[in-house]
PDB file of N, CA and C in Angstrom:
ATOM      1  N   MET A   1       1.009  -1.049  -0.031  1.00  0.00           N
ATOM      2  CA  MET A   1       0.300  -0.264   0.128  1.00  0.00           C
ATOM      3  C   MET A   1       0.904   1.199   0.308  1.00  0.00           C
ATOM      4  N   THR A   2       0.733   1.901  -0.803  1.00  0.00           N
ATOM      5  CA  THR A   2       1.342   3.300  -0.949  1.00  0.00           C
ATOM      6  C   THR A   2       1.153   4.442  -0.292  1.00  0.00           C
ATOM      7  N   LYS A   3       1.410   5.109   0.749  1.00  0.00           N
ATOM      8  CA  LYS A   3       1.101   6.684   1.223  1.00  0.00           C
ATOM      9  C   LYS A   3       0.833   7.624   0.154  1.00  0.00           C
ATOM     10  N   ARG A   4      -0.204   8.463   0.458  1.00  0.00           N
ATOM     11  CA  ARG A   4       0.111   9.354  -0.751  1.00  0.00           C
ATOM     12  C   ARG A   4       0.377  10.153   0.260  1.00  0.00           C
ATOM     13  N   THR A   5       0.566  11.712  -0.464  1.00  0.00           N
ATOM     14  CA  THR A   5       1.416  12.917  -0.325  1.00  0.00           C
ATOM     15  C   THR A   5       0.321  13.771   0.526  1.00  0.00           C
ATOM     16  N   PRO A   6       0.105  14.437   1.895  1.00  0.00           N
ATOM     17  CA  PRO A   6      -0.458  15.554   1.642  1.00  0.00           C
ATOM     18  C   PRO A   6      -0.703  16.246   0.657  1.00  0.00           C
ATOM     19  N   VAL A   7      -1.930  17.093   0.056  1.00  0.00           N
ATOM     20  CA  VAL A   7      -2.530  17.853  -0.701  1.00  0.00           C
ATOM     21  C   VAL A   7      -1.814  19.532   0.173  1.00  0.00           C
ATOM     22  N   GLU A   8      -1.251  20.165  -0.341  1.00  0.00           N
ATOM     23  CA  GLU A   8      -1.548  21.793   0.240  1.00  0.00           C
ATOM     24  C   GLU A   8      -2.315  22.373  -0.837  1.00  0.00           C
ATOM     25  N   ASP A   9      -3.900  23.097  -0.295  1.00  0.00           N
ATOM     26  CA  ASP A   9      -4.372  24.079  -1.092  1.00  0.00           C
ATOM     27  C   ASP A   9      -3.662  25.328  -1.188  1.00  0.00           C
ATOM     28  N   VAL A  10      -3.697  25.874  -2.672  1.00  0.00           N
ATOM     29  CA  VAL A  10      -3.576  27.364  -2.845  1.00  0.00           C
ATOM     30  C   VAL A  10      -4.252  28.138  -3.598  1.00  0.00           C
ATOM     31  N   PRO A  11      -4.763  28.857  -2.581  1.00  0.00           N
ATOM     32  CA  PRO A  11      -5.982  29.674  -3.043  1.00  0.00           C
ATOM     33  C   PRO A  11      -5.766  30.527  -4.013  1.00  0.00           C
ATOM     34  N   ILE A  12      -6.210  30.539  -5.032  1.00  0.00           N
ATOM     35  CA  ILE A  12      -5.887  31.560  -6.182  1.00  0.00           C
ATOM     36  C   ILE A  12      -6.701  32.596  -6.496  1.00  0.00           C
ATOM     37  N   GLY A  13      -7.829  33.327  -6.120  1.00  0.00           N
ATOM     38  CA  GLY A  13      -8.536  33.757  -5.934  1.00  0.00           C
ATOM     39  C   GLY A  13      -9.475  34.086  -7.513  1.00  0.00           C
ATOM     40  N   GLY A  14      -9.342  32.972  -7.965  1.00  0.00           N
ATOM     41  CA  GLY A  14     -10.552  33.160  -9.022  1.00  0.00           C
ATOM     42  C   GLY A  14     -10.909  31.836  -9.661  1.00  0.00           C
ATOM     43  N   GLU A  15     -11.005  31.206 -10.318  1.00  0.00           N
ATOM     44  CA  GLU A  15     -11.523  30.209 -10.434  1.00  0.00           C
ATOM     45  C   GLU A  15     -10.412  29.628 -11.666  1.00  0.00           C
ATOM     46  N   THR A  16      -9.692  30.141 -12.761  1.00  0.00           N
ATOM     47  CA  THR A  16      -8.747  29.293 -13.271  1.00  0.00           C
ATOM     48  C   THR A  16      -7.328  30.324 -13.668  1.00  0.00           C
ATOM     49  N   ILE A  17      -6.310  29.071 -14.007  1.00  0.00           N
ATOM     50  CA  ILE A  17      -4.922  29.529 -13.664  1.00  0.00           C
ATOM     51  C   ILE A  17      -4.389  28.824 -14.549  1.00  0.00           C
ATOM     52  N   ARG A  18      -3.168  29.755 -15.567  1.00  0.00           N
ATOM     53  CA  ARG A  18      -2.118  28.818 -16.134  1.00  0.00           C
ATOM     54  C   ARG A  18      -1.694  27.965 -15.374  1.00  0.00           C
ATOM     55  N   LEU A  19      -0.902  26.826 -15.770  1.00  0.00           N
ATOM     56  CA  LEU A  19      -0.065  25.726 -15.144  1.00  0.00           C
ATOM     57  C   LEU A  19       1.389  26.358 -14.419  1.00  0.00           C
ATOM     58  N   GLY A  20       1.689  27.162 -15.584  1.00  0.00           N
ATOM     59  CA  GLY A  20       2.905  27.980 -15.309  1.00  0.00           C
ATOM     60  C   GLY A  20       3.210  28.972 -14.364  1.00  0.00           C
ATOM     61  N   GLN A  21       1.934  30.211 -14.765  1.00  0.00           N
ATOM     62  CA  GLN A  21       1.618  30.679 -13.943  1.00  0.00           C
ATOM     63  C   GLN A  21       1.173  30.386 -12.336  1.00  0.00           C
ATOM     64  N   PHE A  22       0.657  29.375 -11.898  1.00  0.00           N
ATOM     65  CA  PHE A  22       0.056  28.525 -11.339  1.00  0.00           C
ATOM     66  C   PHE A  22       1.599  28.261 -10.416  1.00  0.00           C
ATOM     67  N   ILE A  23       2.918  27.727 -10.529  1.00  0.00           N
ATOM     68  CA  ILE A  23       4.055  27.186 -10.104  1.00  0.00           C
ATOM     69  C   ILE A  23       4.480  28.084  -9.285  1.00  0.00           C
ATOM     70  N   LYS A  24       4.623  29.278 -10.483  1.00  0.00           N
ATOM     71  CA  LYS A  24       5.069  30.283  -9.726  1.00  0.00           C
ATOM     72  C   LYS A  24       4.622  30.706  -8.531  1.00  0.00           C
ATOM     73  N   PHE A  25       3.302  31.029  -8.399  1.00  0.00           N
ATOM     74  CA  PHE A  25       2.191  31.846  -7.599  1.00  0.00           C
ATOM     75  C   PHE A  25       2.691  30.669  -6.178  1.00  0.00           C
ATOM     76  N   ALA A  26       2.513  29.896  -6.249  1.00  0.00           N
ATOM     77  CA  ALA A  26       2.533  28.624  -5.842  1.00  0.00           C
ATOM     78  C   ALA A  26       3.277  29.140  -4.175  1.00  0.00           C
ATOM     79  N   GLY A  27       4.669  29.134  -4.996  1.00  0.00           N
ATOM     80  CA  GLY A  27       6.172  29.380  -4.685  1.00  0.00           C
ATOM     81  C   GLY A  27       6.726  27.829  -4.584  1.00  0.00           C
ATOM     82  N   ILE A  28       6.302  27.226  -5.438  1.00  0.00           N
ATOM     83  CA  ILE A  28       6.937  25.833  -6.379  1.00  0.00           C
ATOM     84  C   ILE A  28       8.156  25.962  -6.428  1.00  0.00           C
ATOM     85  N   LEU A  29       8.552  27.081  -7.865  1.00  0.00           N
ATOM     86  CA  LEU A  29      10.049  27.304  -8.191  1.00  0.00           C
ATOM     87  C   LEU A  29       9.887  28.777  -8.634  1.00  0.00           C
ATOM     88  N   ASP A  30      10.929  29.569  -8.414  1.00  0.00           N
ATOM     89  CA  ASP A  30      10.238  31.143  -8.377  1.00  0.00           C
ATOM     90  C   ASP A  30      10.861  31.881  -9.960  1.00  0.00           C
ATOM     91  N   SER A  31      11.280  31.125 -10.676  1.00  0.00           N
ATOM     92  CA  SER A  31      11.736  32.081 -11.555  1.00  0.00           C
ATOM     93  C   SER A  31      10.803  30.943 -13.187  1.00  0.00           C
ATOM     94  N   GLY A  32      10.179  32.414 -14.235  1.00  0.00           N
ATOM     95  CA  GLY A  32       9.682  31.261 -15.154  1.00  0.00           C
ATOM     96  C   GLY A  32      10.118  30.606 -15.747  1.00  0.00           C
ATOM     97  N   GLY A  33      12.051  30.619 -16.319  1.00  0.00           N
ATOM     98  CA  GLY A  33      12.924  29.773 -16.968  1.00  0.00           C
ATOM     99  C   GLY A  33      12.970  28.785 -16.406  1.00  0.00           C
ATOM    100  N   GLU A  34      12.629  28.524 -15.110  1.00  0.00           N
ATOM    101  CA  GLU A  34      11.875  27.319 -14.105  1.00  0.00           C
ATOM    102  C   GLU A  34      11.750  26.264 -14.218  1.00  0.00           C
ATOM    103  N   VAL A  35      10.812  27.163 -14.508  1.00  0.00           N
ATOM    104  CA  VAL A  35       9.288  26.861 -14.868  1.00  0.00           C
ATOM    105  C   VAL A  35       9.072  25.903 -15.285  1.00  0.00           C
ATOM    106  N   LYS A  36       9.477  26.548 -16.890  1.00  0.00           N
ATOM    107  CA  LYS A  36       9.451  26.335 -18.713  1.00  0.00           C
ATOM    108  C   LYS A  36      10.095  25.113 -18.685  1.00  0.00           C
ATOM    109  N   GLU A  37      11.715  24.775 -18.096  1.00  0.00           N
ATOM    110  CA  GLU A  37      12.361  23.994 -17.720  1.00  0.00           C
ATOM    111  C   GLU A  37      11.734  22.397 -17.077  1.00  0.00           C
ATOM    112  N   VAL A  38      11.061  23.095 -16.103  1.00  0.00           N
ATOM    113  CA  VAL A  38      10.571  21.444 -15.279  1.00  0.00           C
ATOM    114  C   VAL A  38       9.633  20.549 -16.350  1.00  0.00           C
ATOM    115  N   VAL A  39       8.314  21.937 -16.597  1.00  0.00           N
ATOM    116  CA  VAL A  39       7.457  21.485 -17.478  1.00  0.00           C
ATOM    117  C   VAL A  39       7.664  20.450 -18.620  1.00  0.00           C
ATOM    118  N   ALA A  40       8.686  21.404 -19.382  1.00  0.00           N
ATOM    119  CA  ALA A  40       8.629  20.768 -20.685  1.00  0.00           C
ATOM    120  C   ALA A  40       9.974  19.280 -20.664  1.00  0.00           C
ATOM    121  N   ASP A  41      10.620  18.808 -19.744  1.00  0.00           N
ATOM    122  CA  ASP A  41      11.516  18.000 -18.794  1.00  0.00           C
ATOM    123  C   ASP A  41      10.077  17.009 -18.422  1.00  0.00           C
ATOM    124  N   GLY A  42       9.536  17.300 -17.917  1.00  0.00           N
ATOM    125  CA  GLY A  42       7.964  16.006 -17.849  1.00  0.00           C
ATOM    126  C   GLY A  42       7.761  15.653 -16.311  1.00  0.00           C
ATOM    127  N   PHE A  43       8.590  17.183 -15.574  1.00  0.00           N
ATOM    128  CA  PHE A  43       8.631  16.821 -14.168  1.00  0.00           C
ATOM    129  C   PHE A  43       7.556  16.652 -13.059  1.00  0.00           C
ATOM    130  N   VAL A  44       6.412  17.527 -13.570  1.00  0.00           N
ATOM    131  CA  VAL A  44       5.245  18.159 -13.126  1.00  0.00           C
ATOM    132  C   VAL A  44       3.855  17.350 -13.323  1.00  0.00           C
ATOM    133  N   THR A  45       2.924  16.800 -12.873  1.00  0.00           N
ATOM    134  CA  THR A  45       2.282  16.039 -12.966  1.00  0.00           C
ATOM    135  C   THR A  45       0.867  17.090 -12.797  1.00  0.00           C
ATOM    136  N   VAL A  46      -0.426  17.060 -13.475  1.00  0.00           N
ATOM    137  CA  VAL A  46      -2.011  17.786 -13.692  1.00  0.00           C
ATOM    138  C   VAL A  46      -2.531  16.534 -12.592  1.00  0.00           C
ATOM    139  N   ASN A  47      -3.018  16.470 -12.111  1.00  0.00           N
ATOM    140  CA  ASN A  47      -4.200  15.383 -11.386  1.00  0.00           C
ATOM    141  C   ASN A  47      -3.495  13.931 -12.272  1.00  0.00           C
ATOM    142  N   GLY A  48      -2.197  13.931 -11.495  1.00  0.00           N
ATOM    143  CA  GLY A  48      -1.558  12.368 -11.701  1.00  0.00           C
ATOM    144  C   GLY A  48      -1.002  11.874 -12.622  1.00  0.00           C
ATOM    145  N   GLU A  49      -0.773  12.476 -13.864  1.00  0.00           N
ATOM    146  CA  GLU A  49      -0.630  12.862 -15.451  1.00  0.00           C
ATOM    147  C   GLU A  49       0.099  14.072 -15.572  1.00  0.00           C
ATOM    148  N   VAL A  50       1.257  13.360 -16.549  1.00  0.00           N
ATOM    149  CA  VAL A  50       2.253  14.783 -17.006  1.00  0.00           C
ATOM    150  C   VAL A  50       2.080  15.141 -17.380  1.00  0.00           C
ATOM    151  N   ASP A  51       1.975  16.692 -17.434  1.00  0.00           N
ATOM    152  CA  ASP A  51       1.715  17.652 -18.661  1.00  0.00           C
ATOM    153  C   ASP A  51       2.773  18.210 -19.018  1.00  0.00           C
ATOM    154  N   ARG A  52       2.752  18.487 -20.372  1.00  0.00           N
ATOM    155  CA  ARG A  52       4.413  19.304 -20.864  1.00  0.00           C
ATOM    156  C   ARG A  52       3.694  20.322 -21.510  1.00  0.00           C
ATOM    157  N   ARG A  53       2.349  21.293 -20.821  1.00  0.00           N
ATOM    158  CA  ARG A  53       2.134  22.682 -21.509  1.00  0.00           C
ATOM    159  C   ARG A  53       1.883  23.835 -20.233  1.00  0.00           C
ATOM    160  N   ARG A  54       2.893  24.522 -20.801  1.00  0.00           N
ATOM    161  CA  ARG A  54       2.777  25.653 -19.464  1.00  0.00           C
ATOM    162  C   ARG A  54       1.776  26.256 -19.529  1.00  0.00           C
ATOM    163  N   GLY A  55       0.961  25.978 -20.110  1.00  0.00           N
ATOM    164  CA  GLY A  55      -0.552  27.411 -20.528  1.00  0.00           C
ATOM    165  C   GLY A  55      -1.895  26.513 -20.629  1.00  0.00           C
ATOM    166  N   ARG A  56      -1.173  25.446 -19.839  1.00  0.00           N
ATOM    167  CA  ARG A  56      -2.680  24.643 -19.570  1.00  0.00           C
ATOM    168  C   ARG A  56      -3.351  25.179 -18.764  1.00  0.00           C
ATOM    169  N   GLN A  57      -4.526  25.594 -18.773  1.00  0.00           N
ATOM    170  CA  GLN A  57      -5.421  25.768 -17.901  1.00  0.00           C
ATOM    171  C   GLN A  57      -6.105  25.259 -16.859  1.00  0.00           C
ATOM    172  N   LEU A  58      -5.926  25.392 -15.414  1.00  0.00           N
ATOM    173  CA  LEU A  58      -5.701  24.814 -14.147  1.00  0.00           C
ATOM    174  C   LEU A  58      -7.574  25.118 -14.018  1.00  0.00           C
ATOM    175  N   ALA A  59      -8.069  24.749 -12.994  1.00  0.00           N
ATOM    176  CA  ALA A  59      -9.272  24.560 -12.612  1.00  0.00           C
ATOM    177  C   ALA A  59      -9.321  24.399 -11.056  1.00  0.00           C
ATOM    178  N   VAL A  60     -10.425  25.672 -10.350  1.00  0.00           N
ATOM    179  CA  VAL A  60     -10.386  24.579  -8.880  1.00  0.00           C
ATOM    180  C   VAL A  60     -10.542  23.243  -8.700  1.00  0.00           C
ATOM    181  N   GLY A  61      -9.652  22.767  -7.802  1.00  0.00           N
ATOM    182  CA  GLY A  61      -9.886  21.407  -7.801  1.00  0.00           C
ATOM    183  C   GLY A  61      -8.982  20.652  -8.389  1.00  0.00           C
ATOM    184  N   ASP A  62      -7.604  21.421  -9.634  1.00  0.00           N
ATOM    185  CA  ASP A  62      -6.818  20.770  -9.788  1.00  0.00           C
ATOM    186  C   ASP A  62      -5.392  20.364  -9.257  1.00  0.00           C
ATOM    187  N   VAL A  63      -4.649  19.061  -9.192  1.00  0.00           N
ATOM    188  CA  VAL A  63      -3.691  19.137  -8.181  1.00  0.00           C
ATOM    189  C   VAL A  63      -2.515  18.798  -9.222  1.00  0.00           C
ATOM    190  N   VAL A  64      -1.470  19.938  -9.082  1.00  0.00           N
ATOM    191  CA  VAL A  64      -0.444  19.976  -9.516  1.00  0.00           C
ATOM    192  C   VAL A  64       0.783  19.171  -8.380  1.00  0.00           C
ATOM    193  N   GLY A  65       1.384  18.397  -8.879  1.00  0.00           N
ATOM    194  CA  GLY A  65       2.855  17.386  -8.352  1.00  0.00           C
ATOM    195  C   GLY A  65       4.014  17.709  -9.006  1.00  0.00           C
ATOM    196  N   PHE A  66       4.860  17.872  -7.863  1.00  0.00           N
ATOM    197  CA  PHE A  66       6.264  18.434  -8.218  1.00  0.00           C
ATOM    198  C   PHE A  66       6.979  18.102  -6.848  1.00  0.00           C
ATOM    199  N   GLU A  67       8.355  17.048  -7.474  1.00  0.00           N
ATOM    200  CA  GLU A  67       9.057  16.336  -6.289  1.00  0.00           C
ATOM    201  C   GLU A  67       8.578  16.126  -5.184  1.00  0.00           C
ATOM    202  N   GLY A  68       7.418  15.355  -5.297  1.00  0.00           N
ATOM    203  CA  GLY A  68       7.167  14.639  -4.124  1.00  0.00           C
ATOM    204  C   GLY A  68       5.806  15.177  -3.435  1.00  0.00           C
ATOM    205  N   ARG A  69       5.727  16.421  -3.850  1.00  0.00           N
ATOM    206  CA  ARG A  69       4.523  17.273  -3.542  1.00  0.00           C
ATOM    207  C   ARG A  69       3.349  17.600  -4.141  1.00  0.00           C
ATOM    208  N   ARG A  70       2.319  18.078  -3.674  1.00  0.00           N
ATOM    209  CA  ARG A  70       1.056  17.894  -4.516  1.00  0.00           C
ATOM    210  C   ARG A  70       0.545  19.356  -3.492  1.00  0.00           C
ATOM    211  N   PHE A  71       0.045  19.971  -5.112  1.00  0.00           N
ATOM    212  CA  PHE A  71      -1.185  21.688  -4.182  1.00  0.00           C
ATOM    213  C   PHE A  71      -1.725  21.447  -5.637  1.00  0.00           C
ATOM    214  N   ARG A  72      -2.772  21.615  -4.832  1.00  0.00           N
ATOM    215  CA  ARG A  72      -4.409  21.813  -4.802  1.00  0.00           C
ATOM    216  C   ARG A  72      -4.853  23.138  -5.497  1.00  0.00           C
ATOM    217  N   VAL A  73      -5.417  23.408  -6.715  1.00  0.00           N
ATOM    218  CA  VAL A  73      -5.569  25.380  -6.709  1.00  0.00           C
ATOM    219  C   VAL A  73      -6.984  24.875  -5.966  1.00  0.00           C
ATOM    220  N   ALA A  74      -7.078  25.986  -5.347  1.00  0.00           N
ATOM    221  CA  ALA A  74      -8.479  26.603  -4.576  1.00  0.00           C
ATOM    222  C   ALA A  74      -8.510  27.706  -4.578  1.00  0.00           C
ATOM    223  N   GLU A  75     -10.308  28.019  -4.584  1.00  0.00           N
ATOM    224  CA  GLU A  75     -10.897  29.176  -4.555  1.00  0.00           C
ATOM    225  C   GLU A  75     -10.279  30.848  -3.905  1.00  0.00           C
TER     226      GLU A  75
END
């Protein structure tokens, strides 16, 4: 049985946000260059699946994973 990492809620103050913006807004990474690289290299998951699109629209409830941590888009 695998233990799931707890999810950290990140309120975005709206209903949608782009993946790259969310990663910076949540403080997961600091620079746009880092975000571009890790997303393109497949190190980021959205709802458990690798997504290489920085511009992907996230909605409230989506869960972003990076380096063993999980962050949920919250309103």
